[in-house]
Amino acid sequence: MKRKGLIMLAVTAMLAIGASSVDAWAAEGWAQSGSAWVYYDSSGNKVTNTWKKGADNLWRYLNSNGDMAVNTWVENTYYMDSNGILVTDKWMKFQDSGSSQYKWYYFGSSGKAIMDNWSKINNKWYYFDSNGEMQTGWVLDNIYYCGTDGAMRTGWQKLFPPDSDNNGDRVTPGDNDDGKYWYYFNDSGKKYVPKDVSGDYATYKIDGVSYCFDSDGALQTGWKNVGIENAEYDIQNYKYYDSNGKLRVGWYSVEPPQDLSGYEESVEWFYFSNSGVPKTGPKEGEASTQNIIKLNDKTYLFNNLGNPVYGLQKVMIGSTSEYTAFYFGDKKTSTMQKGKVRVIEGDGSEATYYFSDSGRGYTGVKDGSLYYMGKLQCADEGTKYEAIAIPTGSTKTTYVVNTSGKVAKSTTVKNSEGVKYKTGSNGNLLKVDDETPSGEGRAPTEPTWD
């Protein structure tokens, strides 16, 4: 039996083969068999499980029955469209069986579906799993992120964490941000993850700005223990990051870290250096003049909690065992004061003080009054005058003062008991009842510390 001779095929979107059916005994080629297209070899046998091109030079596939495959996968790698033509350089989506969800695939120039690899398509990167399905959300051990459109994200992205059930794309106006964190992906799409976390977190500079990330790469805000090498005080292990994630520098009023105690108020002032480390100093009463620092033309002393101290402070002089008073105003001021001021002492009483330009409590006569460690020295009430011996190095100088602290200079006065004091031009004691003084003068009154 002979098959029909050469038949011209209609040029349709389905076939576009342009070949003809052939005499099975004369030549090989395409032929229509019922509603299907087949291909006969030179022996007149149907070709099966192989690829053949049509006259349009496009690839078709003959299945195990010898029929041209349409709307189906071939070798789980290629896809034949409704015209039986190999799909190339094209996105295709397929609905999951029994589901309303669609999955996207991309077939390259060779017709192969991209599998288990990245592919750059129209200048965007996409990742496809081992089945060729385009991936969205976190991929490859949660190092990369692909949006709901499948495109790899770079730069800052606000996302649900990898272990979250909600794996939506970047936040848009009106979205609920609850549970989302900021992550940073470099130009190659890799998420920043700290390599060596010495404390609870690690810092990383992006465009010259320092940020803090946890071990999963989530941006952190607020107080974070980043662990400072050789930190002398606990607060130095902490840095503060604003709501936008940027490292805080300079002055800032904020609640102290929750896991540190000892603060007076729920909100305190801190000063953060350019590296973000809070300024600190020794515990109050243990500071020295070496701990006093100047910031923006004002002078401060910080305690071990990172707060600027205020009020009357006992401060050691350099590395010596000597000390004196400094005054840093009230809590609102918290800066070193100079000159004559009224001070609330540690016991709550008020006294007059005088502080030199260096801030040290003045010792000696100033403006006709006697001071010791800055505190005004007065004769006891009811004594009228009293001799007070002020230490000056390894010796002492005795002055005569009244109950207001005024020094009696170049005069002779009597106290309430009739004891006569003769003084020199500086108010220093020369005679007691016309006799050379011998050990007269009580010790000065020290400031009353906290």
Protein backbone atom coordinates (compact mmCIF):
# COMPACT_ATOMS: atom_id res chain seq x y z
CA MET A 1 0.00 0.00 0.00
CA LYS A 2 1.30 3.43 -0.95
CA ARG A 3 1.06 6.54 1.15
CA LYS A 4 0.03 9.85 -0.38
CA GLY A 5 2.67 11.78 -2.23
CA LEU A 6 4.09 15.17 -1.45
CA ILE A 7 1.57 17.40 0.33
CA MET A 8 2.22 21.07 1.05
CA LEU A 9 1.66 21.89 4.70
CA ALA A 10 -0.29 24.95 5.79
CA VAL A 11 1.89 27.59 7.37
CA THR A 12 0.22 27.84 10.76
CA ALA A 13 1.25 29.01 14.20
CA MET A 14 0.87 25.46 15.37
CA LEU A 15 3.23 23.70 12.98
CA ALA A 16 5.26 26.07 10.86
CA ILE A 17 7.02 22.99 9.57
CA GLY A 18 6.76 23.62 5.90
CA ALA A 19 7.57 19.97 5.19
CA SER A 20 5.39 17.51 3.31
CA SER A 21 4.15 14.01 3.84
CA VAL A 22 6.30 11.66 1.82
CA ASP A 23 6.06 8.49 -0.05
CA ALA A 24 7.11 6.01 2.62
CA TRP A 25 9.09 4.07 -0.01
CA ALA A 26 10.66 7.10 -1.62
CA ALA A 27 11.94 9.62 0.95
CA GLU A 28 12.04 10.39 4.61
CA GLY A 29 10.22 13.36 6.12
CA TRP A 30 7.24 14.68 7.97
CA ALA A 31 3.76 13.34 7.49
CA GLN A 32 0.40 13.85 9.11
CA SER A 33 -1.04 10.83 10.83
CA GLY A 34 -4.53 11.56 11.98
CA SER A 35 -4.34 14.65 14.19
CA ALA A 36 -0.66 14.09 14.91
CA TRP A 37 2.48 14.71 12.98
CA VAL A 38 5.06 11.99 12.57
CA TYR A 39 8.42 11.61 10.90
CA TYR A 40 9.42 8.68 8.69
CA ASP A 41 12.98 7.70 8.11
CA SER A 42 14.31 6.58 4.72
CA SER A 43 13.11 3.04 5.43
CA GLY A 44 9.59 4.21 6.03
CA ASN A 45 9.72 3.70 9.79
CA LYS A 46 8.40 6.18 12.32
CA VAL A 47 11.14 8.00 14.18
CA THR A 48 10.66 7.87 17.98
CA ASN A 49 12.25 9.49 21.02
CA THR A 50 14.33 11.88 19.00
CA TRP A 51 14.61 15.47 17.84
CA LYS A 52 13.87 16.67 14.31
CA LYS A 53 13.80 20.10 12.71
CA GLY A 54 11.04 21.39 10.47
CA ALA A 55 11.52 23.38 7.32
CA ASP A 56 11.47 26.49 9.52
CA ASN A 57 14.65 25.16 11.15
CA LEU A 58 12.92 24.88 14.51
CA TRP A 59 13.20 21.82 16.68
CA ARG A 60 10.39 19.34 17.33
CA TYR A 61 10.38 16.14 19.34
CA LEU A 62 8.99 12.77 18.39
CA ASN A 63 7.75 10.85 21.42
CA SER A 64 7.81 7.13 22.11
CA ASN A 65 4.80 6.66 19.82
CA GLY A 66 6.48 8.63 17.07
CA ASP A 67 4.04 11.53 17.46
CA MET A 68 5.26 15.10 17.53
CA ALA A 69 5.11 16.22 21.19
CA VAL A 70 2.96 19.25 22.00
CA ASN A 71 2.27 21.07 25.31
CA THR A 72 4.53 18.76 27.22
CA TRP A 73 7.90 18.37 28.89
CA VAL A 74 10.60 16.38 27.17
CA GLU A 75 13.29 14.65 29.18
CA ASN A 76 12.13 16.78 32.15
CA THR A 77 14.30 19.52 30.72
CA TYR A 78 12.69 20.90 27.57
CA TYR A 79 9.19 22.06 26.81
CA MET A 80 7.26 21.83 23.56
CA ASP A 81 4.63 24.47 22.98
CA SER A 82 1.15 24.01 21.54
CA ASN A 83 2.66 24.05 18.03
CA GLY A 84 5.16 21.38 18.96
CA ILE A 85 8.04 23.85 18.75
CA LEU A 86 10.85 23.79 21.29
CA VAL A 87 10.48 26.72 23.70
CA THR A 88 13.61 28.91 23.85
CA ASP A 89 14.52 32.21 25.51
CA LYS A 90 11.13 32.38 27.12
CA TRP A 91 9.36 32.43 30.49
CA MET A 92 6.67 29.81 31.00
CA LYS A 93 4.35 29.30 33.92
CA PHE A 94 2.59 26.11 34.86
CA GLN A 95 -0.13 25.48 37.37
CA ASP A 96 0.56 23.03 40.15
CA SER A 97 -1.59 19.95 40.01
CA GLY A 98 -4.53 20.35 42.38
CA SER A 99 -3.47 23.89 43.27
CA SER A 100 -4.27 27.42 42.18
CA GLN A 101 -0.60 28.31 42.41
CA TYR A 102 1.61 28.81 39.38
CA LYS A 103 5.31 28.16 39.06
CA TRP A 104 7.61 29.95 36.65
CA TYR A 105 10.35 28.42 34.52
CA TYR A 106 12.79 29.90 32.07
CA PHE A 107 14.06 28.14 28.97
CA GLY A 108 17.38 29.29 27.61
CA SER A 109 18.59 29.63 24.04
CA SER A 110 19.30 25.89 23.89
CA GLY A 111 15.80 25.14 25.04
CA LYS A 112 16.91 23.76 28.37
CA ALA A 113 15.07 24.91 31.46
CA ILE A 114 17.50 26.64 33.83
CA MET A 115 17.96 24.28 36.76
CA ASP A 116 19.84 24.48 40.01
CA ASN A 117 21.54 27.69 38.99
CA TRP A 118 21.39 31.44 38.63
CA SER A 119 20.49 33.04 35.33
CA LYS A 120 20.64 36.69 34.26
CA ILE A 121 17.54 37.54 32.30
CA ASN A 122 16.87 41.06 31.04
CA ASN A 123 19.61 42.35 33.38
CA LYS A 124 18.06 40.74 36.45
CA TRP A 125 19.29 37.67 38.28
CA TYR A 126 16.97 34.76 39.04
CA TYR A 127 17.54 31.49 40.83
CA PHE A 128 16.02 28.19 39.74
CA ASP A 129 15.95 25.03 41.84
CA SER A 130 16.84 21.50 40.70
CA ASN A 131 13.38 21.15 39.14
CA GLY A 132 13.75 24.42 37.24
CA GLU A 133 11.24 26.29 39.35
CA MET A 134 11.96 30.00 39.77
CA GLN A 135 12.56 30.68 43.47
CA THR A 136 11.24 33.49 45.61
CA GLY A 137 12.12 34.50 49.16
CA TRP A 138 15.26 33.26 50.89
CA VAL A 139 17.48 30.95 48.83
CA LEU A 140 20.79 29.11 49.13
CA ASP A 141 21.10 28.78 52.90
CA ASN A 142 19.31 32.12 53.35
CA ILE A 143 22.22 34.09 51.92
CA TYR A 144 20.29 35.53 48.97
CA TYR A 145 16.79 36.90 48.64
CA CYS A 146 14.55 36.90 45.60
CA GLY A 147 11.43 39.03 45.52
CA THR A 148 7.94 37.88 44.65
CA ASP A 149 8.89 38.58 41.03
CA GLY A 150 11.84 36.22 41.40
CA ALA A 151 14.46 38.92 40.86
CA MET A 152 17.45 38.85 43.19
CA ARG A 153 17.50 41.77 45.61
CA THR A 154 20.49 43.96 46.44
CA GLY A 155 21.04 46.81 48.88
CA TRP A 156 18.77 47.37 51.88
CA GLN A 157 15.68 45.19 52.09
CA LYS A 158 13.08 44.96 54.85
CA LEU A 159 12.06 41.34 55.15
CA PHE A 160 10.67 38.66 57.37
CA PRO A 161 13.49 36.52 58.82
CA PRO A 162 14.36 33.24 57.09
CA ASP A 163 12.68 31.17 59.81
CA SER A 164 9.44 33.15 59.59
CA ASP A 165 6.24 31.60 58.25
CA ASN A 166 5.55 34.87 56.47
CA ASN A 167 8.02 35.30 53.65
CA GLY A 168 6.64 38.38 51.89
CA ASP A 169 8.56 40.78 49.70
CA ARG A 170 9.91 44.17 50.70
CA VAL A 171 7.55 46.41 52.65
CA THR A 172 5.38 48.88 50.76
CA PRO A 173 3.24 51.72 52.10
CA GLY A 174 0.35 50.35 54.09
CA ASP A 175 2.01 47.02 54.85
CA ASN A 176 2.35 45.81 58.39
CA ASP A 177 6.04 45.83 59.36
CA ASP A 178 5.60 43.67 62.44
CA GLY A 179 8.22 40.95 62.48
CA LYS A 180 10.28 42.39 59.63
CA TYR A 181 13.96 43.31 59.81
CA TRP A 182 16.33 45.20 57.57
CA TYR A 183 19.03 43.19 55.79
CA TYR A 184 21.83 44.34 53.54
CA PHE A 185 22.73 42.57 50.29
CA ASN A 186 25.84 43.55 48.36
CA ASP A 187 26.00 44.01 44.59
CA SER A 188 26.41 40.27 44.08
CA GLY A 189 23.27 39.66 46.14
CA LYS A 190 24.99 38.18 49.17
CA LYS A 191 23.52 39.07 52.52
CA TYR A 192 25.95 40.57 55.00
CA VAL A 193 26.51 38.15 57.87
CA PRO A 194 29.11 38.83 60.59
CA LYS A 195 32.07 36.51 60.27
CA ASP A 196 33.38 36.94 63.80
CA VAL A 197 30.94 37.98 66.50
CA SER A 198 32.96 38.67 69.68
CA GLY A 199 29.96 39.96 71.64
CA ASP A 200 26.28 39.42 70.91
CA TYR A 201 26.53 41.39 67.67
CA ALA A 202 28.99 42.81 65.15
CA THR A 203 29.34 46.12 63.33
CA TYR A 204 29.78 46.69 59.61
CA LYS A 205 30.34 49.85 57.59
CA ILE A 206 28.14 50.54 54.57
CA ASP A 207 28.84 53.67 52.54
CA GLY A 208 30.98 54.95 55.41
CA VAL A 209 28.25 54.48 58.04
CA SER A 210 28.52 51.90 60.84
CA TYR A 211 25.61 49.54 61.41
CA CYS A 212 25.02 46.62 63.77
CA PHE A 213 23.89 43.14 62.69
CA ASP A 214 23.12 39.94 64.55
CA SER A 215 24.52 36.55 63.57
CA ASP A 216 21.77 36.12 60.96
CA GLY A 217 22.45 39.49 59.34
CA ALA A 218 19.39 41.30 60.71
CA LEU A 219 19.96 45.01 61.31
CA GLN A 220 19.84 45.96 65.00
CA THR A 221 18.70 49.16 66.68
CA GLY A 222 18.93 50.53 70.21
CA TRP A 223 21.56 49.41 72.72
CA LYS A 224 23.61 46.44 71.56
CA ASN A 225 26.44 44.60 73.27
CA VAL A 226 29.09 44.57 70.55
CA GLY A 227 31.93 43.67 72.91
CA ILE A 228 34.79 46.15 73.08
CA GLU A 229 38.28 44.75 73.59
CA ASN A 230 39.78 45.76 76.95
CA ALA A 231 36.60 47.51 78.05
CA GLU A 232 37.15 48.80 81.59
CA TYR A 233 33.49 49.36 82.41
CA ASP A 234 30.41 47.38 81.38
CA ILE A 235 28.77 50.26 79.53
CA GLN A 236 31.77 50.44 77.18
CA ASN A 237 30.71 47.10 75.67
CA TYR A 238 27.56 48.76 74.40
CA LYS A 239 26.88 51.00 71.45
CA TYR A 240 23.64 52.68 70.50
CA TYR A 241 22.05 52.46 67.07
CA ASP A 242 19.27 54.82 66.00
CA SER A 243 15.95 53.68 64.55
CA ASN A 244 17.51 53.91 61.08
CA GLY A 245 20.32 51.61 62.22
CA LYS A 246 23.05 54.25 62.16
CA LEU A 247 25.62 54.30 64.93
CA ARG A 248 24.95 57.09 67.41
CA VAL A 249 27.80 59.53 68.08
CA GLY A 250 27.89 62.63 70.29
CA TRP A 251 25.41 63.49 73.03
CA TYR A 252 22.19 61.52 73.35
CA SER A 253 19.55 61.20 76.07
CA VAL A 254 18.15 57.69 76.22
CA GLU A 255 17.11 54.86 78.51
CA PRO A 256 20.19 52.93 79.70
CA PRO A 257 20.73 49.31 78.61
CA GLN A 258 18.16 47.11 80.30
CA ASP A 259 20.67 44.60 81.61
CA LEU A 260 22.81 47.23 83.38
CA SER A 261 21.82 48.66 86.74
CA GLY A 262 22.78 51.55 89.02
CA TYR A 263 21.27 54.45 87.08
CA GLU A 264 19.43 57.23 88.89
CA GLU A 265 16.83 57.96 86.23
CA SER A 266 14.94 56.02 83.58
CA VAL A 267 16.52 58.29 80.96
CA GLU A 268 20.16 59.43 81.18
CA TRP A 269 22.64 61.42 79.11
CA PHE A 270 25.49 59.65 77.34
CA TYR A 271 28.29 60.87 75.10
CA PHE A 272 29.34 58.52 72.32
CA SER A 273 32.77 58.84 70.73
CA ASN A 274 33.24 58.72 66.95
CA SER A 275 33.60 54.95 67.30
CA GLY A 276 30.33 54.82 69.23
CA VAL A 277 31.83 53.88 72.61
CA PRO A 278 30.23 55.74 75.56
CA LYS A 279 32.56 58.03 77.50
CA THR A 280 33.22 56.71 81.00
CA GLY A 281 35.24 57.38 84.13
CA PRO A 282 35.79 55.86 87.57
CA LYS A 283 33.12 55.53 90.20
CA GLU A 284 32.20 58.81 91.83
CA GLY A 285 34.73 59.63 94.54
CA GLU A 286 37.48 57.66 92.77
CA ALA A 287 38.07 60.01 89.85
CA SER A 288 41.21 62.06 89.29
CA THR A 289 41.89 65.24 87.38
CA GLN A 290 43.21 62.98 84.63
CA ASN A 291 39.64 61.79 84.02
CA ILE A 292 38.27 65.27 83.39
CA ILE A 293 37.72 65.92 79.69
CA LYS A 294 36.61 68.79 77.46
CA LEU A 295 33.89 68.33 74.87
CA ASN A 296 32.72 71.19 72.66
CA ASP A 297 34.38 73.80 74.92
CA LYS A 298 32.74 72.45 78.07
CA THR A 299 34.39 70.33 80.74
CA TYR A 300 32.94 67.06 82.04
CA LEU A 301 33.66 64.17 84.33
CA PHE A 302 31.98 60.85 83.55
CA ASN A 303 31.27 58.03 85.96
CA ASN A 304 31.58 54.30 85.44
CA LEU A 305 28.00 54.12 84.13
CA GLY A 306 28.77 56.46 81.26
CA ASN A 307 26.87 59.47 82.65
CA PRO A 308 28.31 62.96 83.21
CA VAL A 309 28.50 63.55 86.96
CA TYR A 310 26.92 66.55 88.64
CA GLY A 311 27.08 68.28 91.99
CA LEU A 312 30.05 68.44 94.34
CA GLN A 313 32.70 65.86 93.53
CA LYS A 314 35.81 64.67 95.36
CA VAL A 315 38.58 64.42 92.74
CA MET A 316 42.14 63.17 93.21
CA ILE A 317 44.88 65.48 91.92
CA GLY A 318 46.71 63.66 89.13
CA SER A 319 48.21 60.42 90.35
CA THR A 320 48.87 61.74 93.86
CA SER A 321 47.03 60.94 97.08
CA GLU A 322 45.88 64.56 97.36
CA TYR A 323 42.38 65.57 96.44
CA THR A 324 40.15 68.61 96.15
CA ALA A 325 36.59 69.55 95.25
CA PHE A 326 35.13 70.16 91.81
CA TYR A 327 31.61 71.28 91.14
CA PHE A 328 29.62 70.20 88.08
CA GLY A 329 26.38 72.06 88.65
CA ASP A 330 22.99 70.39 88.88
CA LYS A 331 21.94 67.31 86.90
CA LYS A 332 20.67 69.42 84.05
CA THR A 333 24.01 71.24 83.79
CA SER A 334 26.54 68.47 84.59
CA THR A 335 29.50 70.61 83.51
CA MET A 336 32.44 71.94 85.50
CA GLN A 337 31.76 75.27 87.20
CA LYS A 338 34.16 78.14 87.96
CA GLY A 339 34.23 81.10 90.31
CA LYS A 340 32.07 81.75 93.37
CA VAL A 341 28.96 79.62 93.62
CA ARG A 342 26.49 78.33 96.18
CA VAL A 343 26.72 74.55 96.45
CA ILE A 344 24.42 71.91 97.91
CA GLU A 345 26.74 69.57 99.80
CA GLY A 346 26.38 65.85 100.35
CA ASP A 347 24.38 66.27 103.56
CA GLY A 348 21.93 68.61 101.86
CA SER A 349 23.28 71.79 103.44
CA GLU A 350 24.24 74.81 101.37
CA ALA A 351 27.67 76.44 101.43
CA THR A 352 29.68 79.01 99.50
CA TYR A 353 32.52 77.76 97.32
CA TYR A 354 35.11 79.24 95.05
CA PHE A 355 36.55 77.30 92.10
CA SER A 356 39.58 78.36 90.09
CA ASP A 357 39.69 78.58 86.30
CA SER A 358 40.89 74.97 86.24
CA GLY A 359 37.79 73.99 88.21
CA ARG A 360 39.72 73.05 91.35
CA GLY A 361 38.38 74.08 94.68
CA TYR A 362 40.42 77.13 95.69
CA THR A 363 42.66 76.97 98.78
CA GLY A 364 43.79 80.27 100.32
CA VAL A 365 42.51 83.82 100.44
CA LYS A 366 40.36 85.00 97.56
CA ASP A 367 38.58 88.37 97.45
CA GLY A 368 39.18 88.79 101.19
CA SER A 369 37.66 85.42 102.16
CA LEU A 370 39.33 82.17 103.17
CA TYR A 371 38.71 78.94 101.26
CA TYR A 372 39.87 75.36 101.60
CA MET A 373 39.31 72.89 98.77
CA GLY A 374 36.90 75.50 97.49
CA LYS A 375 34.79 75.69 100.64
CA LEU A 376 34.43 79.01 102.47
CA GLN A 377 36.01 78.77 105.93
CA CYS A 378 34.11 80.59 108.66
CA ALA A 379 34.58 81.00 112.37
CA ASP A 380 32.11 78.97 114.37
CA GLU A 381 28.95 80.80 115.34
CA GLY A 382 29.37 82.73 118.57
CA THR A 383 33.18 82.85 118.42
CA LYS A 384 33.35 86.15 116.47
CA TYR A 385 36.86 85.25 115.22
CA GLU A 386 38.72 82.01 114.86
CA ALA A 387 42.18 80.91 113.79
CA ILE A 388 42.15 78.30 111.02
CA ALA A 389 45.32 76.51 109.90
CA ILE A 390 45.37 75.87 106.15
CA PRO A 391 47.80 73.23 104.84
CA THR A 392 50.18 74.65 102.22
CA GLY A 393 52.39 71.84 101.00
CA SER A 394 54.35 70.40 103.94
CA THR A 395 53.56 73.38 106.18
CA LYS A 396 50.51 75.28 107.37
CA THR A 397 49.47 78.90 107.31
CA THR A 398 47.08 80.11 109.98
CA TYR A 399 44.52 82.78 109.15
CA VAL A 400 42.05 84.64 111.32
CA VAL A 401 38.50 84.82 109.98
CA ASN A 402 35.15 86.01 111.22
CA THR A 403 31.89 84.07 111.14
CA SER A 404 31.31 85.21 107.54
CA GLY A 405 34.65 83.88 106.39
CA LYS A 406 36.25 87.31 105.96
CA VAL A 407 39.98 87.41 106.74
CA ALA A 408 41.13 89.92 109.35
CA LYS A 409 44.11 91.63 107.69
CA SER A 410 46.72 93.92 109.33
CA THR A 411 44.68 94.25 112.49
CA THR A 412 44.18 93.05 116.02
CA VAL A 413 40.88 91.41 116.94
CA LYS A 414 39.45 89.48 119.86
CA ASN A 415 37.24 86.42 119.80
CA SER A 416 34.22 85.99 122.06
CA GLU A 417 36.43 84.68 124.87
CA GLY A 418 38.73 87.71 124.74
CA VAL A 419 41.67 85.98 123.05
CA LYS A 420 43.54 88.59 121.05
CA TYR A 421 44.76 87.86 117.50
CA LYS A 422 47.23 90.06 115.65
CA THR A 423 47.35 89.51 111.87
CA GLY A 424 49.59 90.45 108.98
CA SER A 425 48.71 92.03 105.67
CA ASN A 426 47.54 88.68 104.26
CA GLY A 427 45.45 87.90 107.33
CA ASN A 428 48.00 85.42 108.58
CA LEU A 429 48.28 85.06 112.35
CA LEU A 430 51.28 86.89 113.90
CA LYS A 431 50.53 87.02 117.64
CA VAL A 432 48.14 85.44 120.10
CA ASP A 433 47.72 87.60 123.21
CA ASP A 434 50.97 89.27 122.16
CA GLU A 435 52.77 85.94 122.16
CA THR A 436 54.26 84.07 119.22
CA PRO A 437 51.66 81.53 118.15
CA SER A 438 52.43 77.93 118.92
CA GLY A 439 50.16 75.43 117.21
CA GLU A 440 47.12 77.68 117.27
CA GLY A 441 44.40 77.25 114.70
CA ARG A 442 41.99 74.46 114.14
CA ALA A 443 41.90 72.30 110.99
CA PRO A 444 39.83 73.66 108.12
CA THR A 445 36.40 72.24 107.37
CA GLU A 446 36.49 69.90 104.39
CA PRO A 447 33.67 69.78 101.87
CA THR A 448 30.88 67.40 102.81
CA TRP A 449 30.91 64.70 100.14
CA ASP A 450 28.08 62.40 99.25
